N, C-alpha and C. Protein backbone atom coordinates (compact mmCIF):
# COMPACT_ATOMS: atom_id res chain seq x y z
N MET A 1 -23.11 -9.56 -5.80
CA MET A 1 -22.02 -10.33 -5.24
C MET A 1 -20.79 -9.41 -5.14
N VAL A 2 -20.42 -9.03 -3.93
CA VAL A 2 -19.27 -8.17 -3.68
C VAL A 2 -18.05 -9.04 -3.43
N LEU A 3 -16.96 -8.73 -4.16
CA LEU A 3 -15.71 -9.46 -3.98
C LEU A 3 -14.77 -8.65 -3.11
N ARG A 4 -14.07 -9.33 -2.21
CA ARG A 4 -13.14 -8.65 -1.30
C ARG A 4 -11.78 -9.32 -1.36
N LEU A 5 -10.75 -8.51 -1.28
CA LEU A 5 -9.40 -9.00 -1.05
C LEU A 5 -9.19 -8.92 0.45
N ARG A 6 -8.91 -10.06 1.07
CA ARG A 6 -8.77 -10.08 2.52
C ARG A 6 -7.80 -11.17 2.93
N LEU A 7 -7.55 -11.24 4.24
CA LEU A 7 -6.63 -12.23 4.77
C LEU A 7 -7.40 -13.46 5.23
N SER A 8 -6.80 -14.62 5.04
CA SER A 8 -7.36 -15.87 5.51
C SER A 8 -6.25 -16.62 6.24
N ARG A 9 -6.49 -16.99 7.48
CA ARG A 9 -5.46 -17.64 8.27
C ARG A 9 -5.29 -19.09 7.83
N VAL A 10 -4.03 -19.50 7.69
CA VAL A 10 -3.72 -20.88 7.31
C VAL A 10 -2.84 -21.49 8.37
N SER A 11 -2.88 -22.79 8.46
CA SER A 11 -2.04 -23.47 9.44
C SER A 11 -0.62 -23.55 8.92
N THR A 12 0.32 -23.58 9.84
CA THR A 12 1.73 -23.69 9.47
C THR A 12 2.06 -25.15 9.15
N PRO A 13 3.20 -25.43 8.53
CA PRO A 13 3.52 -26.81 8.15
C PRO A 13 3.52 -27.79 9.33
N GLY A 14 3.89 -27.34 10.52
CA GLY A 14 3.92 -28.23 11.67
C GLY A 14 2.57 -28.37 12.35
N GLY A 15 1.54 -27.80 11.79
CA GLY A 15 0.22 -27.83 12.40
C GLY A 15 -0.18 -26.43 12.83
N ALA A 16 -1.41 -26.27 13.27
CA ALA A 16 -1.89 -24.96 13.69
C ALA A 16 -1.21 -24.57 14.99
N LYS A 17 -0.53 -23.44 14.97
CA LYS A 17 0.16 -22.96 16.16
C LYS A 17 -0.46 -21.64 16.59
N ARG A 18 -0.65 -21.50 17.88
CA ARG A 18 -1.36 -20.36 18.41
C ARG A 18 -0.62 -19.04 18.16
N HIS A 19 0.67 -18.99 18.40
CA HIS A 19 1.39 -17.74 18.34
C HIS A 19 2.26 -17.60 17.09
N HIS A 20 1.98 -18.36 16.05
CA HIS A 20 2.72 -18.28 14.80
C HIS A 20 1.75 -18.14 13.63
N PRO A 21 1.14 -16.95 13.49
CA PRO A 21 0.14 -16.80 12.44
C PRO A 21 0.76 -16.73 11.05
N ARG A 22 0.06 -17.23 10.08
CA ARG A 22 0.40 -17.11 8.67
C ARG A 22 -0.93 -16.85 7.95
N TYR A 23 -0.89 -15.98 6.96
CA TYR A 23 -2.11 -15.63 6.26
C TYR A 23 -1.92 -15.76 4.76
N ASN A 24 -3.00 -16.12 4.07
CA ASN A 24 -3.07 -16.03 2.63
C ASN A 24 -3.84 -14.76 2.30
N ILE A 25 -3.39 -14.04 1.27
CA ILE A 25 -4.16 -12.92 0.75
C ILE A 25 -5.05 -13.52 -0.33
N VAL A 26 -6.37 -13.46 -0.09
CA VAL A 26 -7.31 -14.18 -0.96
C VAL A 26 -8.37 -13.25 -1.53
N LEU A 27 -8.97 -13.72 -2.59
CA LEU A 27 -10.16 -13.09 -3.16
C LEU A 27 -11.34 -13.97 -2.75
N ALA A 28 -12.31 -13.38 -2.08
CA ALA A 28 -13.47 -14.16 -1.63
C ALA A 28 -14.71 -13.28 -1.70
N GLN A 29 -15.86 -13.91 -1.68
CA GLN A 29 -17.09 -13.15 -1.59
C GLN A 29 -17.19 -12.55 -0.19
N ALA A 30 -17.77 -11.37 -0.09
CA ALA A 30 -17.79 -10.62 1.16
C ALA A 30 -18.55 -11.33 2.28
N ARG A 31 -19.52 -12.15 1.94
CA ARG A 31 -20.38 -12.75 2.97
C ARG A 31 -19.91 -14.13 3.42
N THR A 32 -18.80 -14.62 2.89
CA THR A 32 -18.33 -15.95 3.28
C THR A 32 -17.46 -15.84 4.54
N ALA A 33 -17.26 -16.97 5.20
CA ALA A 33 -16.47 -17.01 6.42
C ALA A 33 -14.99 -16.75 6.11
N ARG A 34 -14.25 -16.35 7.14
CA ARG A 34 -12.85 -15.98 6.96
C ARG A 34 -12.02 -17.10 6.36
N ASP A 35 -12.18 -18.32 6.87
CA ASP A 35 -11.33 -19.42 6.46
C ASP A 35 -12.01 -20.38 5.47
N SER A 36 -13.11 -19.92 4.86
CA SER A 36 -13.77 -20.78 3.87
C SER A 36 -12.95 -20.78 2.58
N LYS A 37 -13.34 -21.63 1.66
CA LYS A 37 -12.58 -21.78 0.42
C LYS A 37 -12.68 -20.50 -0.41
N PRO A 38 -11.53 -19.88 -0.76
CA PRO A 38 -11.57 -18.62 -1.51
C PRO A 38 -11.75 -18.88 -3.01
N LEU A 39 -12.07 -17.82 -3.74
CA LEU A 39 -12.14 -17.91 -5.19
C LEU A 39 -10.73 -18.02 -5.78
N GLU A 40 -9.76 -17.27 -5.17
CA GLU A 40 -8.39 -17.30 -5.68
C GLU A 40 -7.45 -16.87 -4.56
N VAL A 41 -6.30 -17.52 -4.48
CA VAL A 41 -5.25 -17.12 -3.53
C VAL A 41 -4.27 -16.23 -4.29
N LEU A 42 -4.08 -14.99 -3.79
CA LEU A 42 -3.26 -14.01 -4.49
C LEU A 42 -1.88 -13.82 -3.88
N GLY A 43 -1.67 -14.31 -2.66
CA GLY A 43 -0.36 -14.13 -2.05
C GLY A 43 -0.35 -14.63 -0.62
N THR A 44 0.78 -14.41 0.06
CA THR A 44 0.93 -14.82 1.45
C THR A 44 1.47 -13.65 2.26
N TYR A 45 1.23 -13.70 3.58
CA TYR A 45 1.70 -12.67 4.50
C TYR A 45 2.07 -13.32 5.81
N ASN A 46 3.30 -13.08 6.25
CA ASN A 46 3.78 -13.57 7.53
C ASN A 46 4.04 -12.35 8.41
N PRO A 47 3.16 -12.07 9.40
CA PRO A 47 3.31 -10.86 10.21
C PRO A 47 4.41 -10.93 11.28
N VAL A 48 4.99 -12.10 11.50
CA VAL A 48 6.03 -12.24 12.51
C VAL A 48 7.37 -11.89 11.86
N PRO A 49 8.06 -10.85 12.36
CA PRO A 49 9.34 -10.47 11.74
C PRO A 49 10.38 -11.58 11.91
N GLU A 50 11.08 -11.88 10.82
CA GLU A 50 12.12 -12.90 10.82
C GLU A 50 13.32 -12.37 10.04
N LEU A 51 14.49 -12.91 10.34
CA LEU A 51 15.68 -12.55 9.57
C LEU A 51 15.58 -13.17 8.19
N PRO A 52 15.91 -12.41 7.13
CA PRO A 52 15.88 -13.00 5.79
C PRO A 52 16.99 -14.02 5.61
N VAL A 53 16.84 -14.86 4.59
CA VAL A 53 17.85 -15.88 4.30
C VAL A 53 19.15 -15.19 3.90
N GLY A 54 20.26 -15.61 4.49
CA GLY A 54 21.56 -15.02 4.18
C GLY A 54 21.80 -13.70 4.88
N ALA A 55 21.06 -13.42 5.95
CA ALA A 55 21.21 -12.16 6.65
C ALA A 55 22.47 -12.16 7.52
N GLU A 56 23.03 -11.00 7.71
CA GLU A 56 24.19 -10.81 8.56
C GLU A 56 23.71 -10.52 9.98
N PRO A 57 24.59 -10.62 10.98
CA PRO A 57 24.16 -10.43 12.37
C PRO A 57 23.51 -9.08 12.67
N GLY A 58 23.88 -8.00 11.97
CA GLY A 58 23.31 -6.69 12.27
C GLY A 58 22.08 -6.34 11.47
N ASP A 59 21.60 -7.22 10.61
CA ASP A 59 20.45 -6.93 9.75
C ASP A 59 19.15 -6.91 10.54
N ARG A 60 18.17 -6.17 9.99
CA ARG A 60 16.86 -6.07 10.63
C ARG A 60 15.98 -7.25 10.25
N LYS A 61 15.06 -7.57 11.13
CA LYS A 61 14.05 -8.58 10.83
C LYS A 61 12.98 -7.94 9.95
N VAL A 62 12.41 -8.72 9.04
CA VAL A 62 11.39 -8.20 8.14
C VAL A 62 10.17 -9.11 8.14
N LYS A 63 9.02 -8.51 7.84
CA LYS A 63 7.80 -9.27 7.66
C LYS A 63 7.73 -9.70 6.20
N ASP A 64 7.29 -10.91 5.95
CA ASP A 64 7.31 -11.47 4.61
C ASP A 64 5.97 -11.25 3.92
N ILE A 65 5.99 -10.54 2.78
CA ILE A 65 4.80 -10.30 1.97
C ILE A 65 5.10 -10.78 0.56
N LYS A 66 4.33 -11.73 0.06
CA LYS A 66 4.47 -12.20 -1.32
C LYS A 66 3.11 -12.06 -1.99
N VAL A 67 3.09 -11.35 -3.13
CA VAL A 67 1.83 -11.06 -3.80
C VAL A 67 2.00 -11.27 -5.30
N ASP A 68 0.98 -11.85 -5.92
CA ASP A 68 0.91 -11.93 -7.38
C ASP A 68 0.37 -10.58 -7.87
N VAL A 69 1.30 -9.69 -8.25
CA VAL A 69 0.96 -8.31 -8.55
C VAL A 69 -0.02 -8.20 -9.72
N SER A 70 0.19 -8.97 -10.77
CA SER A 70 -0.68 -8.85 -11.95
C SER A 70 -2.12 -9.26 -11.62
N ARG A 71 -2.29 -10.31 -10.85
CA ARG A 71 -3.66 -10.73 -10.49
C ARG A 71 -4.32 -9.72 -9.55
N CYS A 72 -3.54 -9.14 -8.63
CA CYS A 72 -4.11 -8.12 -7.74
C CYS A 72 -4.56 -6.90 -8.54
N LYS A 73 -3.73 -6.48 -9.49
CA LYS A 73 -4.11 -5.34 -10.33
C LYS A 73 -5.39 -5.65 -11.11
N TYR A 74 -5.50 -6.89 -11.61
CA TYR A 74 -6.69 -7.26 -12.36
C TYR A 74 -7.93 -7.17 -11.47
N TRP A 75 -7.89 -7.79 -10.30
CA TRP A 75 -9.07 -7.83 -9.45
C TRP A 75 -9.41 -6.44 -8.91
N LEU A 76 -8.41 -5.62 -8.63
CA LEU A 76 -8.70 -4.25 -8.21
C LEU A 76 -9.33 -3.46 -9.36
N GLY A 77 -8.88 -3.71 -10.57
CA GLY A 77 -9.45 -3.04 -11.74
C GLY A 77 -10.87 -3.47 -12.03
N VAL A 78 -11.19 -4.71 -11.72
CA VAL A 78 -12.54 -5.22 -11.93
C VAL A 78 -13.50 -4.68 -10.87
N GLY A 79 -12.98 -4.29 -9.71
CA GLY A 79 -13.84 -3.71 -8.69
C GLY A 79 -13.82 -4.41 -7.35
N ALA A 80 -12.90 -5.34 -7.13
CA ALA A 80 -12.82 -6.00 -5.82
C ALA A 80 -12.36 -4.99 -4.78
N GLN A 81 -12.95 -5.07 -3.60
CA GLN A 81 -12.65 -4.13 -2.52
C GLN A 81 -11.67 -4.76 -1.54
N PRO A 82 -10.51 -4.14 -1.28
CA PRO A 82 -9.59 -4.69 -0.29
C PRO A 82 -10.02 -4.34 1.12
N SER A 83 -9.75 -5.23 2.06
CA SER A 83 -9.98 -4.90 3.47
C SER A 83 -8.93 -3.88 3.89
N ASP A 84 -9.09 -3.28 5.07
CA ASP A 84 -8.15 -2.26 5.53
C ASP A 84 -6.73 -2.81 5.64
N THR A 85 -6.60 -4.03 6.16
CA THR A 85 -5.27 -4.62 6.32
C THR A 85 -4.64 -4.91 4.97
N VAL A 86 -5.41 -5.45 4.04
CA VAL A 86 -4.88 -5.74 2.72
C VAL A 86 -4.57 -4.44 1.99
N TRP A 87 -5.36 -3.40 2.21
CA TRP A 87 -5.08 -2.08 1.61
C TRP A 87 -3.71 -1.61 2.08
N ARG A 88 -3.43 -1.74 3.38
CA ARG A 88 -2.15 -1.32 3.93
C ARG A 88 -1.00 -2.12 3.32
N LEU A 89 -1.18 -3.43 3.18
CA LEU A 89 -0.13 -4.26 2.59
C LEU A 89 0.10 -3.92 1.12
N LEU A 90 -0.97 -3.70 0.37
CA LEU A 90 -0.82 -3.36 -1.04
C LEU A 90 -0.23 -1.97 -1.23
N SER A 91 -0.48 -1.06 -0.29
CA SER A 91 0.14 0.26 -0.38
C SER A 91 1.63 0.18 -0.07
N MET A 92 2.05 -0.79 0.74
CA MET A 92 3.47 -0.96 1.03
C MET A 92 4.25 -1.36 -0.21
N ILE A 93 3.63 -2.13 -1.08
CA ILE A 93 4.35 -2.57 -2.28
C ILE A 93 4.02 -1.69 -3.48
N GLY A 94 3.22 -0.65 -3.29
CA GLY A 94 3.01 0.34 -4.34
C GLY A 94 1.84 0.11 -5.26
N LEU A 95 0.93 -0.81 -4.95
CA LEU A 95 -0.23 -1.04 -5.80
C LEU A 95 -1.36 -0.04 -5.55
N LEU A 96 -1.47 0.45 -4.32
CA LEU A 96 -2.51 1.40 -3.95
C LEU A 96 -1.87 2.59 -3.25
N GLU A 97 -2.56 3.73 -3.30
CA GLU A 97 -2.13 4.88 -2.51
C GLU A 97 -2.47 4.61 -1.05
N PRO A 98 -1.63 5.06 -0.12
CA PRO A 98 -1.95 4.86 1.30
C PRO A 98 -3.28 5.50 1.66
N LYS A 99 -4.04 4.84 2.51
CA LYS A 99 -5.36 5.32 2.89
C LYS A 99 -5.27 6.49 3.86
N TYR A 100 -4.38 6.40 4.82
CA TYR A 100 -4.25 7.43 5.84
C TYR A 100 -2.89 8.07 5.71
N LEU A 101 -2.87 9.37 5.44
CA LEU A 101 -1.62 10.10 5.28
C LEU A 101 -1.48 11.17 6.34
N PRO A 102 -0.27 11.39 6.82
CA PRO A 102 -0.08 12.52 7.73
C PRO A 102 -0.19 13.82 6.95
N THR A 103 -0.53 14.90 7.64
CA THR A 103 -0.65 16.18 6.97
C THR A 103 0.62 16.99 7.22
N GLY A 104 0.89 17.92 6.35
CA GLY A 104 2.05 18.78 6.52
C GLY A 104 3.12 18.53 5.47
N PRO A 105 4.27 19.18 5.65
CA PRO A 105 5.32 19.10 4.62
C PRO A 105 6.00 17.74 4.53
N GLN A 106 5.88 16.89 5.56
CA GLN A 106 6.54 15.59 5.54
C GLN A 106 5.78 14.57 4.72
N THR A 107 4.61 14.90 4.20
CA THR A 107 3.76 13.93 3.52
C THR A 107 4.43 13.34 2.28
N GLU A 108 5.11 14.17 1.48
CA GLU A 108 5.73 13.66 0.26
C GLU A 108 6.84 12.67 0.60
N ASN A 109 7.60 12.93 1.66
CA ASN A 109 8.64 12.00 2.08
C ASN A 109 8.04 10.69 2.58
N VAL A 110 6.89 10.77 3.23
CA VAL A 110 6.22 9.56 3.72
C VAL A 110 5.78 8.70 2.55
N LEU A 111 5.25 9.33 1.50
CA LEU A 111 4.82 8.55 0.33
C LEU A 111 6.00 7.82 -0.30
N LYS A 112 7.16 8.46 -0.36
CA LYS A 112 8.33 7.80 -0.93
C LYS A 112 8.81 6.67 -0.03
N ALA A 113 8.73 6.85 1.28
CA ALA A 113 9.23 5.85 2.22
C ALA A 113 8.29 4.66 2.33
N VAL A 114 7.02 4.84 2.03
CA VAL A 114 6.04 3.76 2.19
C VAL A 114 6.28 2.65 1.18
N ARG A 115 6.67 3.01 -0.03
CA ARG A 115 6.81 2.01 -1.09
C ARG A 115 8.18 1.37 -1.07
N PHE A 116 8.20 0.08 -1.30
CA PHE A 116 9.46 -0.61 -1.46
C PHE A 116 9.97 -0.35 -2.87
N PRO A 117 11.26 -0.11 -3.07
CA PRO A 117 11.74 0.25 -4.40
C PRO A 117 11.59 -0.86 -5.44
N THR A 118 11.50 -2.12 -5.02
CA THR A 118 11.40 -3.20 -6.00
C THR A 118 10.03 -3.30 -6.64
N HIS A 119 9.01 -2.71 -6.03
CA HIS A 119 7.65 -2.84 -6.55
C HIS A 119 7.10 -1.55 -7.12
N GLU A 120 7.93 -0.49 -7.25
CA GLU A 120 7.43 0.74 -7.83
C GLU A 120 7.19 0.52 -9.32
N PRO A 121 6.10 1.05 -9.85
CA PRO A 121 5.86 0.90 -11.28
C PRO A 121 6.92 1.66 -12.06
N ARG A 122 7.39 1.06 -13.15
CA ARG A 122 8.43 1.69 -13.96
C ARG A 122 7.79 2.26 -15.21
N ALA A 123 8.11 3.51 -15.48
CA ALA A 123 7.56 4.17 -16.66
C ALA A 123 8.47 3.91 -17.84
N ALA A 124 7.88 3.75 -19.02
CA ALA A 124 8.65 3.48 -20.23
C ALA A 124 9.27 4.76 -20.78
N THR A 125 8.57 5.88 -20.62
CA THR A 125 9.08 7.15 -21.14
C THR A 125 9.07 8.19 -20.02
N PRO A 126 9.87 9.25 -20.16
CA PRO A 126 9.86 10.30 -19.13
C PRO A 126 8.50 10.98 -19.02
N ALA A 127 7.73 11.04 -20.09
CA ALA A 127 6.41 11.67 -20.02
C ALA A 127 5.48 10.88 -19.12
N GLN A 128 5.60 9.55 -19.12
CA GLN A 128 4.75 8.74 -18.26
C GLN A 128 5.16 8.86 -16.80
N SER A 129 6.45 9.09 -16.53
CA SER A 129 6.89 9.16 -15.14
C SER A 129 6.42 10.44 -14.48
N ARG A 130 6.03 11.46 -15.27
CA ARG A 130 5.54 12.70 -14.69
C ARG A 130 4.09 12.59 -14.24
N ASN A 131 3.38 11.57 -14.65
CA ASN A 131 1.98 11.39 -14.24
C ASN A 131 1.94 10.87 -12.83
N ASP A 132 1.48 11.71 -11.91
CA ASP A 132 1.39 11.32 -10.51
C ASP A 132 -0.04 10.92 -10.18
N GLY A 133 -0.19 10.18 -9.09
CA GLY A 133 -1.52 9.83 -8.61
C GLY A 133 -2.23 11.06 -8.08
N PRO A 134 -3.54 10.96 -7.84
CA PRO A 134 -4.30 12.12 -7.39
C PRO A 134 -3.85 12.62 -6.02
N VAL A 135 -3.43 11.72 -5.14
CA VAL A 135 -3.00 12.14 -3.81
C VAL A 135 -1.69 12.91 -3.91
N THR A 136 -0.72 12.39 -4.68
CA THR A 136 0.57 13.05 -4.82
C THR A 136 0.40 14.40 -5.49
N LYS A 137 -0.47 14.48 -6.50
CA LYS A 137 -0.71 15.74 -7.20
C LYS A 137 -1.31 16.78 -6.25
N ALA A 138 -2.26 16.37 -5.43
CA ALA A 138 -2.88 17.29 -4.47
C ALA A 138 -1.85 17.77 -3.45
N ILE A 139 -0.96 16.90 -3.03
CA ILE A 139 0.07 17.28 -2.06
C ILE A 139 1.00 18.31 -2.67
N LYS A 140 1.44 18.09 -3.93
CA LYS A 140 2.33 19.03 -4.59
C LYS A 140 1.66 20.39 -4.76
N ASP A 141 0.38 20.40 -5.16
CA ASP A 141 -0.34 21.66 -5.32
C ASP A 141 -0.44 22.40 -4.00
N ASN A 142 -0.68 21.66 -2.93
CA ASN A 142 -0.81 22.26 -1.61
C ASN A 142 0.52 22.87 -1.16
N THR A 143 1.62 22.17 -1.37
CA THR A 143 2.92 22.71 -0.96
C THR A 143 3.31 23.92 -1.81
N ARG A 144 2.95 23.94 -3.09
CA ARG A 144 3.23 25.12 -3.93
C ARG A 144 2.44 26.31 -3.42
N ALA A 145 1.19 26.11 -3.06
CA ALA A 145 0.36 27.20 -2.57
C ALA A 145 0.92 27.75 -1.26
N LYS A 146 1.37 26.88 -0.38
CA LYS A 146 1.96 27.34 0.88
C LYS A 146 3.26 28.10 0.63
N ALA A 147 4.04 27.65 -0.35
CA ALA A 147 5.30 28.33 -0.66
C ALA A 147 5.03 29.72 -1.23
N ASP A 148 3.99 29.85 -2.06
CA ASP A 148 3.64 31.16 -2.63
C ASP A 148 3.21 32.12 -1.53
N ILE A 149 2.42 31.64 -0.59
CA ILE A 149 1.95 32.49 0.51
C ILE A 149 3.12 32.88 1.40
N GLY A 150 4.01 31.96 1.66
CA GLY A 150 5.17 32.24 2.51
C GLY A 150 6.18 33.15 1.84
N ALA A 151 6.18 33.23 0.51
CA ALA A 151 7.15 34.05 -0.21
C ALA A 151 6.74 35.51 -0.29
N GLY A 152 5.58 35.85 0.24
CA GLY A 152 5.16 37.24 0.27
C GLY A 152 4.15 37.60 -0.79
N THR A 153 3.69 36.69 -1.58
CA THR A 153 2.67 36.99 -2.57
C THR A 153 1.33 37.07 -1.87
N THR A 154 0.37 37.61 -2.55
CA THR A 154 -0.95 37.75 -1.94
C THR A 154 -1.63 36.39 -1.86
N SER A 155 -2.39 36.21 -0.82
CA SER A 155 -3.11 34.94 -0.66
C SER A 155 -4.37 34.99 -1.51
N PRO A 156 -4.84 33.85 -1.97
CA PRO A 156 -6.05 33.84 -2.79
C PRO A 156 -7.29 34.25 -2.01
N MET A 157 -7.23 34.17 -0.68
CA MET A 157 -8.41 34.51 0.13
C MET A 157 -8.57 36.02 0.26
N ASN A 158 -7.46 36.78 0.29
CA ASN A 158 -7.54 38.20 0.50
C ASN A 158 -6.64 38.90 -0.52
N PRO A 159 -7.16 39.27 -1.70
CA PRO A 159 -6.31 39.86 -2.74
C PRO A 159 -5.84 41.27 -2.38
N ASN A 160 -6.48 41.96 -1.41
CA ASN A 160 -6.08 43.32 -1.04
C ASN A 160 -4.88 43.33 -0.11
N GLU A 161 -4.54 42.18 0.44
CA GLU A 161 -3.44 42.08 1.38
C GLU A 161 -2.12 42.18 0.63
N ALA A 162 -1.22 43.02 1.07
CA ALA A 162 0.08 43.11 0.43
C ALA A 162 1.01 43.80 1.37
């Protein structure tokens, strides 16, 4: 029995509307229908950008994502597989590393920009804050290697070059 975190379309309060989608982020068995009864509802997602409550005239419209972070962490830890869309949403709030990253020097800035600051995990001690994920660690190692090669040191591929 494979468990998946995926989206399930729900009707809006005024009834089902064609151009006003709303989704629940749910935990369901992989072989069940999209809108069948889920095992657990973990959050909601409104893909239509709207002005937030109390917004000023120049503010940007935002998509609404609400997630029960502790339950998502639990189900991901148990082995539930997120769909591609749910993976993207969870990476926006910092629960998962982004699946598709651009290559090059801008990658570290992209990782910082992807996460919303309110959902970043907070470390209790400075030693814990130095522990990076495997993707971030690989990116840092790659940029250090490129900096060493660009600084005039010998490349690891050709030690005779100088």
